[in-house]
């Protein structure tokens, strides 16, 4: 009940204080395990993804640094969020995430591992691709634009424009056990390029010239 009330309240705030355009919500599965992969521009990205979901069996990975903020800590705990140390390999957090996926939950995560200071995609980390391979989980890419510095603009009544584009679900190919590192990198690039394809050009960052991105954009 608490998470439903919170979702309704956050949706109202976005409706009141922003001009938010969302497309592709039909691509989020109504049941079963799923990983939502997003780009990370700022503090509003996670709440934006949260209001997309009608399901209560959803959680996400949140940087441990945010635990110092009592309001954020309360919100994350209500949403059954998983605290992760982004500065070091956090095997415990990944095990917890895997447990939720095994139960059929939705897991939200930013493969970049941190917010981008350039407001464009930085290189993705391989942890999400590794997690998806272990469980053969469906992935749904989400591209978010306009949220950089958005919190200040919201509460100074500037009516900021946010865009959320949700792509089609897909699965990564199984890792090649003979060349695991190269296969893991290829799957990570695939995952990041699918996010990049949903973003305006200025947000595509290090993946701008990637051959796979060009294929995806060409259709």
C-alpha atoms as a PDB file:
ATOM      1  CA  UNK A   1       0.000   0.000   0.000  1.00  0.00           C
ATOM      2  CA  UNK A   2       2.790   2.438   0.920  1.00  0.00           C
ATOM      3  CA  UNK A   3       4.557   2.030  -2.411  1.00  0.00           C
ATOM      4  CA  UNK A   4       1.285   2.555  -4.337  1.00  0.00           C
ATOM      5  CA  UNK A   5       0.553   5.763  -2.459  1.00  0.00           C
ATOM      6  CA  UNK A   6       4.119   6.921  -3.031  1.00  0.00           C
ATOM      7  CA  UNK A   7       3.881   6.162  -6.763  1.00  0.00           C
ATOM      8  CA  UNK A   8       0.631   8.115  -7.027  1.00  0.00           C
ATOM      9  CA  UNK A   9       2.157  11.089  -5.194  1.00  0.00           C
ATOM     10  CA  UNK A  10       5.314  11.140  -7.352  1.00  0.00           C
ATOM     11  CA  UNK A  11       3.208  10.890 -10.519  1.00  0.00           C
ATOM     12  CA  UNK A  12       1.199  13.903  -9.341  1.00  0.00           C
ATOM     13  CA  UNK A  13       4.389  15.914  -8.754  1.00  0.00           C
ATOM     14  CA  UNK A  14       5.691  15.146 -12.237  1.00  0.00           C
ATOM     15  CA  UNK A  15       2.296  16.009 -13.747  1.00  0.00           C
ATOM     16  CA  UNK A  16       2.144  19.286 -11.803  1.00  0.00           C
ATOM     17  CA  UNK A  17       5.738  20.497 -12.103  1.00  0.00           C
ATOM     18  CA  UNK A  18       7.066  19.088 -15.398  1.00  0.00           C
ATOM     19  CA  UNK A  19       6.207  18.452 -19.004  1.00  0.00           C
ATOM     20  CA  UNK A  20       6.999  14.732 -19.121  1.00  0.00           C
ATOM     21  CA  UNK A  21       6.557  12.700 -22.291  1.00  0.00           C
ATOM     22  CA  UNK A  22       6.590   8.901 -21.952  1.00  0.00           C
ATOM     23  CA  UNK A  23       6.354   6.410 -24.809  1.00  0.00           C
ATOM     24  CA  UNK A  24       6.576   2.642 -25.077  1.00  0.00           C
ATOM     25  CA  UNK A  25       5.085   1.615 -21.716  1.00  0.00           C
ATOM     26  CA  UNK A  26       3.513  -1.382 -23.461  1.00  0.00           C
ATOM     27  CA  UNK A  27       7.034  -2.835 -23.755  1.00  0.00           C
ATOM     28  CA  UNK A  28       7.305  -3.413 -19.995  1.00  0.00           C
ATOM     29  CA  UNK A  29       6.159  -6.991 -19.234  1.00  0.00           C
ATOM     30  CA  UNK A  30       3.129  -7.263 -16.968  1.00  0.00           C
ATOM     31  CA  UNK A  31       4.525 -10.392 -15.306  1.00  0.00           C
ATOM     32  CA  UNK A  32       7.819 -12.212 -14.928  1.00  0.00           C
ATOM     33  CA  UNK A  33      11.426 -11.254 -14.350  1.00  0.00           C
ATOM     34  CA  UNK A  34      12.812  -8.337 -16.296  1.00  0.00           C
ATOM     35  CA  UNK A  35      15.798  -5.973 -16.146  1.00  0.00           C
ATOM     36  CA  UNK A  36      15.131  -2.325 -16.994  1.00  0.00           C
ATOM     37  CA  UNK A  37      18.364  -0.686 -18.177  1.00  0.00           C
ATOM     38  CA  UNK A  38      18.523   3.115 -18.124  1.00  0.00           C
ATOM     39  CA  UNK A  39      20.995   5.908 -18.744  1.00  0.00           C
ATOM     40  CA  UNK A  40      21.769   7.977 -15.669  1.00  0.00           C
ATOM     41  CA  UNK A  41      21.638  11.775 -15.852  1.00  0.00           C
ATOM     42  CA  UNK A  42      20.521  12.762 -12.372  1.00  0.00           C
ATOM     43  CA  UNK A  43      18.525  12.160  -9.226  1.00  0.00           C
ATOM     44  CA  UNK A  44      15.164  12.167 -11.026  1.00  0.00           C
ATOM     45  CA  UNK A  45      15.891   9.148 -13.240  1.00  0.00           C
ATOM     46  CA  UNK A  46      14.894   6.518 -10.677  1.00  0.00           C
ATOM     47  CA  UNK A  47      11.591   8.230  -9.718  1.00  0.00           C
ATOM     48  CA  UNK A  48      10.730   8.557 -13.406  1.00  0.00           C
ATOM     49  CA  UNK A  49      11.198   4.823 -13.924  1.00  0.00           C
ATOM     50  CA  UNK A  50       9.251   4.103 -10.728  1.00  0.00           C
ATOM     51  CA  UNK A  51       6.133   5.891 -11.974  1.00  0.00           C
ATOM     52  CA  UNK A  52       6.181   3.877 -15.219  1.00  0.00           C
ATOM     53  CA  UNK A  53       5.442   0.667 -13.360  1.00  0.00           C
ATOM     54  CA  UNK A  54       2.046  -0.665 -12.454  1.00  0.00           C
ATOM     55  CA  UNK A  55       3.632  -3.697 -10.816  1.00  0.00           C
ATOM     56  CA  UNK A  56       4.468  -3.831  -7.125  1.00  0.00           C
ATOM     57  CA  UNK A  57       7.169  -6.481  -7.597  1.00  0.00           C
ATOM     58  CA  UNK A  58       9.831  -4.017  -8.677  1.00  0.00           C
ATOM     59  CA  UNK A  59      13.119  -2.925  -7.177  1.00  0.00           C
ATOM     60  CA  UNK A  60      16.375  -1.316  -8.242  1.00  0.00           C
ATOM     61  CA  UNK A  61      20.045  -0.864  -7.453  1.00  0.00           C
ATOM     62  CA  UNK A  62      20.868   2.420  -5.695  1.00  0.00           C
ATOM     63  CA  UNK A  63      24.304   3.860  -4.926  1.00  0.00           C
ATOM     64  CA  UNK A  64      25.331   3.517  -1.287  1.00  0.00           C
ATOM     65  CA  UNK A  65      26.309   7.203  -1.171  1.00  0.00           C
ATOM     66  CA  UNK A  66      22.609   8.158  -1.276  1.00  0.00           C
ATOM     67  CA  UNK A  67      22.018   6.338   2.016  1.00  0.00           C
ATOM     68  CA  UNK A  68      23.316   9.411   3.837  1.00  0.00           C
ATOM     69  CA  UNK A  69      20.229  11.347   2.723  1.00  0.00           C
ATOM     70  CA  UNK A  70      17.405  10.442   5.163  1.00  0.00           C
ATOM     71  CA  UNK A  71      14.627  11.191   2.647  1.00  0.00           C
ATOM     72  CA  UNK A  72      16.234   9.148  -0.111  1.00  0.00           C
ATOM     73  CA  UNK A  73      17.007   6.345   2.347  1.00  0.00           C
ATOM     74  CA  UNK A  74      13.332   6.233   3.368  1.00  0.00           C
ATOM     75  CA  UNK A  75      12.138   6.233  -0.250  1.00  0.00           C
ATOM     76  CA  UNK A  76      14.564   3.514  -1.322  1.00  0.00           C
ATOM     77  CA  UNK A  77      13.603   1.304   1.606  1.00  0.00           C
ATOM     78  CA  UNK A  78       9.892   1.662   0.794  1.00  0.00           C
ATOM     79  CA  UNK A  79      10.659   0.524  -2.754  1.00  0.00           C
ATOM     80  CA  UNK A  80      12.726  -2.460  -1.525  1.00  0.00           C
ATOM     81  CA  UNK A  81      15.762  -0.879  -3.151  1.00  0.00           C
ATOM     82  CA  UNK A  82      19.122  -2.654  -3.147  1.00  0.00           C
ATOM     83  CA  UNK A  83      22.032  -0.591  -1.837  1.00  0.00           C
ATOM     84  CA  UNK A  84      25.202  -1.093  -3.880  1.00  0.00           C
ATOM     85  CA  UNK A  85      28.777   0.101  -3.422  1.00  0.00           C
ATOM     86  CA  UNK A  86      29.519   1.542  -6.858  1.00  0.00           C
ATOM     87  CA  UNK A  87      33.160   2.212  -6.017  1.00  0.00           C
ATOM     88  CA  UNK A  88      34.031  -1.450  -5.443  1.00  0.00           C
ATOM     89  CA  UNK A  89      32.826  -4.852  -6.716  1.00  0.00           C
ATOM     90  CA  UNK A  90      29.692  -5.511  -4.653  1.00  0.00           C
ATOM     91  CA  UNK A  91      29.014  -9.237  -4.927  1.00  0.00           C
ATOM     92  CA  UNK A  92      26.429  -9.117  -2.139  1.00  0.00           C
ATOM     93  CA  UNK A  93      24.264  -6.556  -3.945  1.00  0.00           C
ATOM     94  CA  UNK A  94      24.372  -8.602  -7.158  1.00  0.00           C
ATOM     95  CA  UNK A  95      23.364 -11.727  -5.235  1.00  0.00           C
ATOM     96  CA  UNK A  96      20.396  -9.879  -3.733  1.00  0.00           C
ATOM     97  CA  UNK A  97      19.433  -8.591  -7.184  1.00  0.00           C
ATOM     98  CA  UNK A  98      19.658 -12.109  -8.594  1.00  0.00           C
ATOM     99  CA  UNK A  99      17.380 -13.327  -5.805  1.00  0.00           C
ATOM    100  CA  UNK A 100      14.692 -10.804  -6.752  1.00  0.00           C
ATOM    101  CA  UNK A 101      14.942 -11.760 -10.424  1.00  0.00           C
ATOM    102  CA  UNK A 102      14.615 -15.441  -9.540  1.00  0.00           C
ATOM    103  CA  UNK A 103      11.340 -14.534  -7.797  1.00  0.00           C
ATOM    104  CA  UNK A 104      10.089 -12.917 -11.016  1.00  0.00           C
ATOM    105  CA  UNK A 105      10.577  -9.255 -10.038  1.00  0.00           C
ATOM    106  CA  UNK A 106      11.505  -6.276 -12.201  1.00  0.00           C
ATOM    107  CA  UNK A 107      14.981  -4.869 -11.533  1.00  0.00           C
ATOM    108  CA  UNK A 108      15.938  -1.337 -12.564  1.00  0.00           C
ATOM    109  CA  UNK A 109      19.611  -0.514 -13.061  1.00  0.00           C
ATOM    110  CA  UNK A 110      21.929   1.994 -14.748  1.00  0.00           C
ATOM    111  CA  UNK A 111      24.713  -0.035 -16.424  1.00  0.00           C
ATOM    112  CA  UNK A 112      27.021   2.998 -16.391  1.00  0.00           C
ATOM    113  CA  UNK A 113      27.291   2.537 -12.635  1.00  0.00           C
ATOM    114  CA  UNK A 114      27.101   6.264 -11.866  1.00  0.00           C
ATOM    115  CA  UNK A 115      25.549   9.430 -13.212  1.00  0.00           C
ATOM    116  CA  UNK A 116      27.292  10.927 -16.210  1.00  0.00           C
ATOM    117  CA  UNK A 117      29.009  14.259 -15.576  1.00  0.00           C
ATOM    118  CA  UNK A 118      28.875  14.987 -19.314  1.00  0.00           C
ATOM    119  CA  UNK A 119      25.106  14.240 -19.507  1.00  0.00           C
ATOM    120  CA  UNK A 120      25.930  11.758 -22.274  1.00  0.00           C
ATOM    121  CA  UNK A 121      26.493   8.006 -22.100  1.00  0.00           C
ATOM    122  CA  UNK A 122      29.728   6.836 -20.530  1.00  0.00           C
ATOM    123  CA  UNK A 123      31.081   3.322 -20.889  1.00  0.00           C
ATOM    124  CA  UNK A 124      28.791   0.658 -19.472  1.00  0.00           C
ATOM    125  CA  UNK A 125      30.012  -1.825 -16.880  1.00  0.00           C
ATOM    126  CA  UNK A 126      29.707  -5.569 -17.451  1.00  0.00           C
ATOM    127  CA  UNK A 127      27.856  -6.480 -14.246  1.00  0.00           C
ATOM    128  CA  UNK A 128      24.378  -6.208 -15.774  1.00  0.00           C
ATOM    129  CA  UNK A 129      25.290  -8.330 -18.792  1.00  0.00           C
ATOM    130  CA  UNK A 130      26.766 -10.924 -16.431  1.00  0.00           C
ATOM    131  CA  UNK A 131      23.601 -10.913 -14.310  1.00  0.00           C
ATOM    132  CA  UNK A 132      21.343 -11.244 -17.358  1.00  0.00           C
ATOM    133  CA  UNK A 133      23.397 -14.146 -18.701  1.00  0.00           C
ATOM    134  CA  UNK A 134      23.228 -16.106 -15.469  1.00  0.00           C
ATOM    135  CA  UNK A 135      19.418 -16.009 -15.415  1.00  0.00           C
ATOM    136  CA  UNK A 136      18.644 -15.601 -19.162  1.00  0.00           C
ATOM    137  CA  UNK A 137      16.571 -12.564 -18.213  1.00  0.00           C
ATOM    138  CA  UNK A 138      14.596 -10.347 -20.575  1.00  0.00           C
ATOM    139  CA  UNK A 139      15.979  -6.792 -20.816  1.00  0.00           C
ATOM    140  CA  UNK A 140      14.002  -3.635 -21.592  1.00  0.00           C
ATOM    141  CA  UNK A 141      16.088  -0.570 -22.560  1.00  0.00           C
ATOM    142  CA  UNK A 142      14.968   2.895 -21.454  1.00  0.00           C
ATOM    143  CA  UNK A 143      16.348   6.194 -22.716  1.00  0.00           C
ATOM    144  CA  UNK A 144      15.849   9.261 -20.504  1.00  0.00           C
ATOM    145  CA  UNK A 145      16.614  12.828 -21.590  1.00  0.00           C
ATOM    146  CA  UNK A 146      16.173  16.266 -20.058  1.00  0.00           C
ATOM    147  CA  UNK A 147      16.512  15.318 -16.370  1.00  0.00           C
ATOM    148  CA  UNK A 148      19.976  16.789 -15.864  1.00  0.00           C
ATOM    149  CA  UNK A 149      19.539  19.551 -13.272  1.00  0.00           C
ATOM    150  CA  UNK A 150      15.827  18.805 -13.371  1.00  0.00           C
ATOM    151  CA  UNK A 151      15.102  18.857  -9.647  1.00  0.00           C
ATOM    152  CA  UNK A 152      15.995  22.547  -9.290  1.00  0.00           C
ATOM    153  CA  UNK A 153      14.005  23.424 -12.404  1.00  0.00           C
ATOM    154  CA  UNK A 154      10.990  21.510 -11.084  1.00  0.00           C
ATOM    155  CA  UNK A 155      10.842  23.315  -7.792  1.00  0.00           C
ATOM    156  CA  UNK A 156      11.485  26.748  -9.274  1.00  0.00           C
ATOM    157  CA  UNK A 157       8.436  26.160 -11.493  1.00  0.00           C
ATOM    158  CA  UNK A 158      10.311  26.216 -14.817  1.00  0.00           C
ATOM    159  CA  UNK A 159       8.205  23.324 -16.151  1.00  0.00           C
ATOM    160  CA  UNK A 160      11.209  21.292 -17.424  1.00  0.00           C
ATOM    161  CA  UNK A 161      10.666  18.914 -20.337  1.00  0.00           C
ATOM    162  CA  UNK A 162      11.554  15.282 -19.649  1.00  0.00           C
ATOM    163  CA  UNK A 163      11.429  12.480 -22.204  1.00  0.00           C
ATOM    164  CA  UNK A 164      11.291   8.765 -21.460  1.00  0.00           C
ATOM    165  CA  UNK A 165      11.428   6.301 -24.338  1.00  0.00           C
ATOM    166  CA  UNK A 166      11.008   2.588 -23.634  1.00  0.00           C
ATOM    167  CA  UNK A 167      12.363   0.130 -26.177  1.00  0.00           C
ATOM    168  CA  UNK A 168      11.314  -3.382 -27.070  1.00  0.00           C
ATOM    169  CA  UNK A 169      12.295  -6.319 -24.813  1.00  0.00           C
ATOM    170  CA  UNK A 170      15.218  -8.487 -25.917  1.00  0.00           C
ATOM    171  CA  UNK A 171      17.612 -11.134 -24.630  1.00  0.00           C
ATOM    172  CA  UNK A 172      21.373 -11.123 -24.895  1.00  0.00           C
ATOM    173  CA  UNK A 173      23.031 -14.145 -26.531  1.00  0.00           C
ATOM    174  CA  UNK A 174      24.680 -16.665 -24.162  1.00  0.00           C
ATOM    175  CA  UNK A 175      28.280 -15.880 -23.302  1.00  0.00           C
ATOM    176  CA  UNK A 176      30.941 -17.688 -25.299  1.00  0.00           C
ATOM    177  CA  UNK A 177      32.749 -19.717 -22.645  1.00  0.00           C
ATOM    178  CA  UNK A 178      35.850 -19.970 -24.853  1.00  0.00           C
ATOM    179  CA  UNK A 179      36.300 -16.200 -24.898  1.00  0.00           C
ATOM    180  CA  UNK A 180      34.214 -15.014 -21.973  1.00  0.00           C
ATOM    181  CA  UNK A 181      35.716 -11.536 -21.610  1.00  0.00           C
ATOM    182  CA  UNK A 182      35.221 -10.588 -25.259  1.00  0.00           C
ATOM    183  CA  UNK A 183      31.705 -12.030 -25.243  1.00  0.00           C
ATOM    184  CA  UNK A 184      30.829 -10.137 -22.062  1.00  0.00           C
ATOM    185  CA  UNK A 185      32.101  -6.893 -23.593  1.00  0.00           C
ATOM    186  CA  UNK A 186      30.088  -7.502 -26.748  1.00  0.00           C
ATOM    187  CA  UNK A 187      26.915  -8.062 -24.715  1.00  0.00           C
ATOM    188  CA  UNK A 188      27.596  -4.939 -22.660  1.00  0.00           C
ATOM    189  CA  UNK A 189      28.021  -2.909 -25.854  1.00  0.00           C
ATOM    190  CA  UNK A 190      24.778  -4.366 -27.198  1.00  0.00           C
ATOM    191  CA  UNK A 191      22.959  -3.338 -24.045  1.00  0.00           C
ATOM    192  CA  UNK A 192      24.368   0.193 -24.105  1.00  0.00           C
ATOM    193  CA  UNK A 193      23.757   0.690 -27.822  1.00  0.00           C
ATOM    194  CA  UNK A 194      20.107  -0.258 -27.351  1.00  0.00           C
ATOM    195  CA  UNK A 195      19.816   2.513 -24.759  1.00  0.00           C
ATOM    196  CA  UNK A 196      21.701   4.934 -27.014  1.00  0.00           C
ATOM    197  CA  UNK A 197      19.320   4.233 -29.900  1.00  0.00           C
ATOM    198  CA  UNK A 198      16.468   5.614 -27.776  1.00  0.00           C
ATOM    199  CA  UNK A 199      18.281   8.882 -27.006  1.00  0.00           C
ATOM    200  CA  UNK A 200      18.725  12.145 -28.932  1.00  0.00           C
ATOM    201  CA  UNK A 201      22.207  12.294 -30.564  1.00  0.00           C
ATOM    202  CA  UNK A 202      23.756  14.607 -27.953  1.00  0.00           C
ATOM    203  CA  UNK A 203      23.115  12.029 -25.219  1.00  0.00           C
ATOM    204  CA  UNK A 204      24.764   9.053 -26.970  1.00  0.00           C
ATOM    205  CA  UNK A 205      28.245   9.873 -25.702  1.00  0.00           C
ATOM    206  CA  UNK A 206      30.963   7.243 -26.155  1.00  0.00           C
ATOM    207  CA  UNK A 207      28.611   5.059 -28.224  1.00  0.00           C
ATOM    208  CA  UNK A 208      27.950   7.714 -30.882  1.00  0.00           C
ATOM    209  CA  UNK A 209      30.071   6.065 -33.556  1.00  0.00           C
ATOM    210  CA  UNK A 210      29.545   2.450 -32.512  1.00  0.00           C
ATOM    211  CA  UNK A 211      28.716   0.193 -35.509  1.00  0.00           C
ATOM    212  CA  UNK A 212      25.971  -1.597 -33.593  1.00  0.00           C
ATOM    213  CA  UNK A 213      24.261   1.697 -32.761  1.00  0.00           C
ATOM    214  CA  UNK A 214      24.255   2.600 -36.442  1.00  0.00           C
ATOM    215  CA  UNK A 215      22.602  -0.742 -37.233  1.00  0.00           C
ATOM    216  CA  UNK A 216      19.917  -0.194 -34.601  1.00  0.00           C
ATOM    217  CA  UNK A 217      19.142   3.325 -35.792  1.00  0.00           C
ATOM    218  CA  UNK A 218      18.966   2.161 -39.404  1.00  0.00           C
ATOM    219  CA  UNK A 219      16.382  -0.399 -38.341  1.00  0.00           C
END
